[in-house]
Amino acid sequence: MDSPRLCARCTLTVSLLTFRQRFDDRYRTGKDGTGKWAEYQTRVRYRILPGLD
């Protein structure tokens, strides 16, 4: 019985994290400029969870 709830929670969590990552990309590119944000992205490879590409 708990499996559908767990699946829904995981789906919601991944959706929110993905939305946040895309929002951060747009916001930081506009605020810091393309060059600085691109430099940051090359230094920090992970996007959503530290250690995962």
PDB file of N, CA and C in Angstrom:
ATOM      1  N   MET A   1       0.812  -1.204   0.000  1.00  0.00           N
ATOM      2  CA  MET A   1       0.000   0.000   0.000  1.00  0.00           C
ATOM      3  C   MET A   1       0.852   1.263   0.000  1.00  0.00           C
ATOM      4  N   ASP A   2       2.027   1.202   0.584  1.00  0.00           N
ATOM      5  CA  ASP A   2       2.861   2.390   0.677  1.00  0.00           C
ATOM      6  C   ASP A   2       3.600   2.673  -0.628  1.00  0.00           C
ATOM      7  N   SER A   3       3.678   1.720  -1.507  1.00  0.00           N
ATOM      8  CA  SER A   3       4.429   1.876  -2.749  1.00  0.00           C
ATOM      9  C   SER A   3       3.915   3.019  -3.632  1.00  0.00           C
ATOM     10  N   PRO A   4       2.611   3.165  -3.843  1.00  0.00           N
ATOM     11  CA  PRO A   4       2.148   4.300  -4.658  1.00  0.00           C
ATOM     12  C   PRO A   4       2.478   5.651  -4.029  1.00  0.00           C
ATOM     13  N   ARG A   5       2.400   5.742  -2.722  1.00  0.00           N
ATOM     14  CA  ARG A   5       2.736   6.995  -2.042  1.00  0.00           C
ATOM     15  C   ARG A   5       4.217   7.306  -2.184  1.00  0.00           C
ATOM     16  N   LEU A   6       5.033   6.291  -2.035  1.00  0.00           N
ATOM     17  CA  LEU A   6       6.474   6.477  -2.172  1.00  0.00           C
ATOM     18  C   LEU A   6       6.816   6.909  -3.589  1.00  0.00           C
ATOM     19  N   CYS A   7       6.211   6.303  -4.556  1.00  0.00           N
ATOM     20  CA  CYS A   7       6.436   6.652  -5.954  1.00  0.00           C
ATOM     21  C   CYS A   7       6.010   8.097  -6.226  1.00  0.00           C
ATOM     22  N   ALA A   8       4.881   8.488  -5.675  1.00  0.00           N
ATOM     23  CA  ALA A   8       4.393   9.854  -5.854  1.00  0.00           C
ATOM     24  C   ALA A   8       5.331  10.856  -5.191  1.00  0.00           C
ATOM     25  N   ARG A   9       5.817  10.540  -4.009  1.00  0.00           N
ATOM     26  CA  ARG A   9       6.755  11.436  -3.316  1.00  0.00           C
ATOM     27  C   ARG A   9       8.058  11.575  -4.087  1.00  0.00           C
ATOM     28  N   CYS A  10       8.570  10.470  -4.594  1.00  0.00           N
ATOM     29  CA  CYS A  10       9.812  10.510  -5.373  1.00  0.00           C
ATOM     30  C   CYS A  10       9.627  11.321  -6.648  1.00  0.00           C
ATOM     31  N   THR A  11       8.516  11.128  -7.316  1.00  0.00           N
ATOM     32  CA  THR A  11       8.231  11.866  -8.538  1.00  0.00           C
ATOM     33  C   THR A  11       8.124  13.361  -8.245  1.00  0.00           C
ATOM     34  N   LEU A  12       7.445  13.720  -7.188  1.00  0.00           N
ATOM     35  CA  LEU A  12       7.304  15.120  -6.810  1.00  0.00           C
ATOM     36  C   LEU A  12       8.665  15.730  -6.468  1.00  0.00           C
ATOM     37  N   THR A  13       9.467  15.018  -5.715  1.00  0.00           N
ATOM     38  CA  THR A  13      10.779  15.512  -5.318  1.00  0.00           C
ATOM     39  C   THR A  13      11.669  15.751  -6.530  1.00  0.00           C
ATOM     40  N   VAL A  14      11.721  14.795  -7.424  1.00  0.00           N
ATOM     41  CA  VAL A  14      12.541  14.943  -8.631  1.00  0.00           C
ATOM     42  C   VAL A  14      12.022  16.094  -9.488  1.00  0.00           C
ATOM     43  N   SER A  15      10.710  16.229  -9.589  1.00  0.00           N
ATOM     44  CA  SER A  15      10.131  17.326 -10.376  1.00  0.00           C
ATOM     45  C   SER A  15      10.505  18.679  -9.793  1.00  0.00           C
ATOM     46  N   LEU A  16      10.414  18.819  -8.483  1.00  0.00           N
ATOM     47  CA  LEU A  16      10.749  20.093  -7.848  1.00  0.00           C
ATOM     48  C   LEU A  16      12.234  20.409  -7.959  1.00  0.00           C
ATOM     49  N   LEU A  17      13.078  19.405  -7.799  1.00  0.00           N
ATOM     50  CA  LEU A  17      14.517  19.633  -7.929  1.00  0.00           C
ATOM     51  C   LEU A  17      14.901  20.010  -9.357  1.00  0.00           C
ATOM     52  N   THR A  18      14.259  19.383 -10.330  1.00  0.00           N
ATOM     53  CA  THR A  18      14.525  19.707 -11.725  1.00  0.00           C
ATOM     54  C   THR A  18      14.080  21.133 -12.034  1.00  0.00           C
ATOM     55  N   PHE A  19      12.905  21.505 -11.546  1.00  0.00           N
ATOM     56  CA  PHE A  19      12.416  22.871 -11.730  1.00  0.00           C
ATOM     57  C   PHE A  19      13.389  23.868 -11.114  1.00  0.00           C
ATOM     58  N   ARG A  20      13.858  23.578  -9.911  1.00  0.00           N
ATOM     59  CA  ARG A  20      14.786  24.480  -9.224  1.00  0.00           C
ATOM     60  C   ARG A  20      16.098  24.638 -10.009  1.00  0.00           C
ATOM     61  N   GLN A  21      16.599  23.553 -10.545  1.00  0.00           N
ATOM     62  CA  GLN A  21      17.848  23.604 -11.303  1.00  0.00           C
ATOM     63  C   GLN A  21      17.679  24.462 -12.551  1.00  0.00           C
ATOM     64  N   ARG A  22      16.586  24.321 -13.244  1.00  0.00           N
ATOM     65  CA  ARG A  22      16.337  25.121 -14.445  1.00  0.00           C
ATOM     66  C   ARG A  22      16.138  26.587 -14.092  1.00  0.00           C
ATOM     67  N   PHE A  23      15.435  26.843 -12.999  1.00  0.00           N
ATOM     68  CA  PHE A  23      15.240  28.216 -12.543  1.00  0.00           C
ATOM     69  C   PHE A  23      16.583  28.857 -12.202  1.00  0.00           C
ATOM     70  N   ASP A  24      17.422  28.136 -11.474  1.00  0.00           N
ATOM     71  CA  ASP A  24      18.741  28.655 -11.110  1.00  0.00           C
ATOM     72  C   ASP A  24      19.578  28.971 -12.341  1.00  0.00           C
ATOM     73  N   ASP A  25      19.531  28.116 -13.348  1.00  0.00           N
ATOM     74  CA  ASP A  25      20.277  28.371 -14.582  1.00  0.00           C
ATOM     75  C   ASP A  25      19.856  29.700 -15.218  1.00  0.00           C
ATOM     76  N   ARG A  26      18.564  29.902 -15.339  1.00  0.00           N
ATOM     77  CA  ARG A  26      18.073  31.144 -15.952  1.00  0.00           C
ATOM     78  C   ARG A  26      18.407  32.356 -15.094  1.00  0.00           C
ATOM     79  N   TYR A  27      18.175  32.240 -13.798  1.00  0.00           N
ATOM     80  CA  TYR A  27      18.389  33.371 -12.891  1.00  0.00           C
ATOM     81  C   TYR A  27      19.865  33.756 -12.815  1.00  0.00           C
ATOM     82  N   ARG A  28      20.733  32.777 -12.628  1.00  0.00           N
ATOM     83  CA  ARG A  28      22.154  33.067 -12.472  1.00  0.00           C
ATOM     84  C   ARG A  28      22.777  33.552 -13.781  1.00  0.00           C
ATOM     85  N   THR A  29      22.309  33.070 -14.907  1.00  0.00           N
ATOM     86  CA  THR A  29      22.822  33.555 -16.180  1.00  0.00           C
ATOM     87  C   THR A  29      22.485  35.035 -16.348  1.00  0.00           C
ATOM     88  N   GLY A  30      21.278  35.415 -15.974  1.00  0.00           N
ATOM     89  CA  GLY A  30      20.879  36.819 -16.080  1.00  0.00           C
ATOM     90  C   GLY A  30      21.586  37.703 -15.076  1.00  0.00           C
ATOM     91  N   LYS A  31      21.797  37.201 -13.883  1.00  0.00           N
ATOM     92  CA  LYS A  31      22.401  38.012 -12.828  1.00  0.00           C
ATOM     93  C   LYS A  31      23.919  38.099 -12.961  1.00  0.00           C
ATOM     94  N   ASP A  32      24.587  36.987 -13.170  1.00  0.00           N
ATOM     95  CA  ASP A  32      26.046  36.948 -13.193  1.00  0.00           C
ATOM     96  C   ASP A  32      26.631  37.100 -14.582  1.00  0.00           C
ATOM     97  N   GLY A  33      25.819  36.983 -15.589  1.00  0.00           N
ATOM     98  CA  GLY A  33      26.329  37.009 -16.954  1.00  0.00           C
ATOM     99  C   GLY A  33      26.694  35.608 -17.401  1.00  0.00           C
ATOM    100  N   THR A  34      26.726  35.424 -18.680  1.00  0.00           N
ATOM    101  CA  THR A  34      26.956  34.102 -19.240  1.00  0.00           C
ATOM    102  C   THR A  34      28.337  33.567 -18.898  1.00  0.00           C
ATOM    103  N   GLY A  35      29.366  34.418 -18.915  1.00  0.00           N
ATOM    104  CA  GLY A  35      30.738  33.966 -18.689  1.00  0.00           C
ATOM    105  C   GLY A  35      30.975  33.417 -17.296  1.00  0.00           C
ATOM    106  N   LYS A  36      30.538  34.151 -16.278  1.00  0.00           N
ATOM    107  CA  LYS A  36      30.753  33.699 -14.902  1.00  0.00           C
ATOM    108  C   LYS A  36      29.952  32.438 -14.591  1.00  0.00           C
ATOM    109  N   TRP A  37      28.736  32.401 -15.071  1.00  0.00           N
ATOM    110  CA  TRP A  37      27.909  31.224 -14.806  1.00  0.00           C
ATOM    111  C   TRP A  37      28.447  29.999 -15.530  1.00  0.00           C
ATOM    112  N   ALA A  38      28.936  30.185 -16.746  1.00  0.00           N
ATOM    113  CA  ALA A  38      29.536  29.073 -17.492  1.00  0.00           C
ATOM    114  C   ALA A  38      30.788  28.568 -16.778  1.00  0.00           C
ATOM    115  N   GLU A  39      31.569  29.488 -16.227  1.00  0.00           N
ATOM    116  CA  GLU A  39      32.759  29.088 -15.474  1.00  0.00           C
ATOM    117  C   GLU A  39      32.369  28.281 -14.234  1.00  0.00           C
ATOM    118  N   TYR A  40      31.342  28.732 -13.548  1.00  0.00           N
ATOM    119  CA  TYR A  40      30.859  28.003 -12.370  1.00  0.00           C
ATOM    120  C   TYR A  40      30.387  26.605 -12.769  1.00  0.00           C
ATOM    121  N   GLN A  41      29.669  26.505 -13.873  1.00  0.00           N
ATOM    122  CA  GLN A  41      29.144  25.216 -14.307  1.00  0.00           C
ATOM    123  C   GLN A  41      30.262  24.243 -14.676  1.00  0.00           C
ATOM    124  N   THR A  42      31.371  24.745 -15.205  1.00  0.00           N
ATOM    125  CA  THR A  42      32.480  23.843 -15.512  1.00  0.00           C
ATOM    126  C   THR A  42      33.202  23.398 -14.249  1.00  0.00           C
ATOM    127  N   ARG A  43      33.215  24.229 -13.226  1.00  0.00           N
ATOM    128  CA  ARG A  43      33.873  23.862 -11.969  1.00  0.00           C
ATOM    129  C   ARG A  43      33.016  22.915 -11.139  1.00  0.00           C
ATOM    130  N   VAL A  44      31.711  23.132 -11.153  1.00  0.00           N
ATOM    131  CA  VAL A  44      30.775  22.302 -10.382  1.00  0.00           C
ATOM    132  C   VAL A  44      29.958  21.505 -11.386  1.00  0.00           C
ATOM    133  N   ARG A  45      30.310  20.251 -11.540  1.00  0.00           N
ATOM    134  CA  ARG A  45      29.675  19.437 -12.586  1.00  0.00           C
ATOM    135  C   ARG A  45      28.269  18.983 -12.228  1.00  0.00           C
ATOM    136  N   TYR A  46      27.996  18.742 -10.964  1.00  0.00           N
ATOM    137  CA  TYR A  46      26.679  18.232 -10.595  1.00  0.00           C
ATOM    138  C   TYR A  46      25.650  19.343 -10.632  1.00  0.00           C
ATOM    139  N   ARG A  47      24.412  18.975 -10.810  1.00  0.00           N
ATOM    140  CA  ARG A  47      23.339  19.960 -10.901  1.00  0.00           C
ATOM    141  C   ARG A  47      22.361  19.841  -9.733  1.00  0.00           C
ATOM    142  N   ILE A  48      21.828  18.669  -9.528  1.00  0.00           N
ATOM    143  CA  ILE A  48      20.753  18.515  -8.555  1.00  0.00           C
ATOM    144  C   ILE A  48      21.268  17.955  -7.243  1.00  0.00           C
ATOM    145  N   LEU A  49      21.985  16.867  -7.290  1.00  0.00           N
ATOM    146  CA  LEU A  49      22.516  16.240  -6.084  1.00  0.00           C
ATOM    147  C   LEU A  49      24.045  16.246  -6.133  1.00  0.00           C
ATOM    148  N   PRO A  50      24.702  16.715  -5.087  1.00  0.00           N
ATOM    149  CA  PRO A  50      26.159  16.731  -5.090  1.00  0.00           C
ATOM    150  C   PRO A  50      26.738  15.344  -5.345  1.00  0.00           C
ATOM    151  N   GLY A  51      27.708  15.282  -6.225  1.00  0.00           N
ATOM    152  CA  GLY A  51      28.365  14.034  -6.542  1.00  0.00           C
ATOM    153  C   GLY A  51      27.765  13.271  -7.701  1.00  0.00           C
ATOM    154  N   LEU A  52      26.588  13.680  -8.152  1.00  0.00           N
ATOM    155  CA  LEU A  52      25.940  13.024  -9.296  1.00  0.00           C
ATOM    156  C   LEU A  52      25.948  13.976 -10.482  1.00  0.00           C
ATOM    157  N   ASP A  53      26.407  13.494 -11.611  1.00  0.00           N
ATOM    158  CA  ASP A  53      26.444  14.345 -12.807  1.00  0.00           C
ATOM    159  C   ASP A  53      25.099  14.447 -13.454  1.00  0.00           C
TER     160      ASP A  53
END
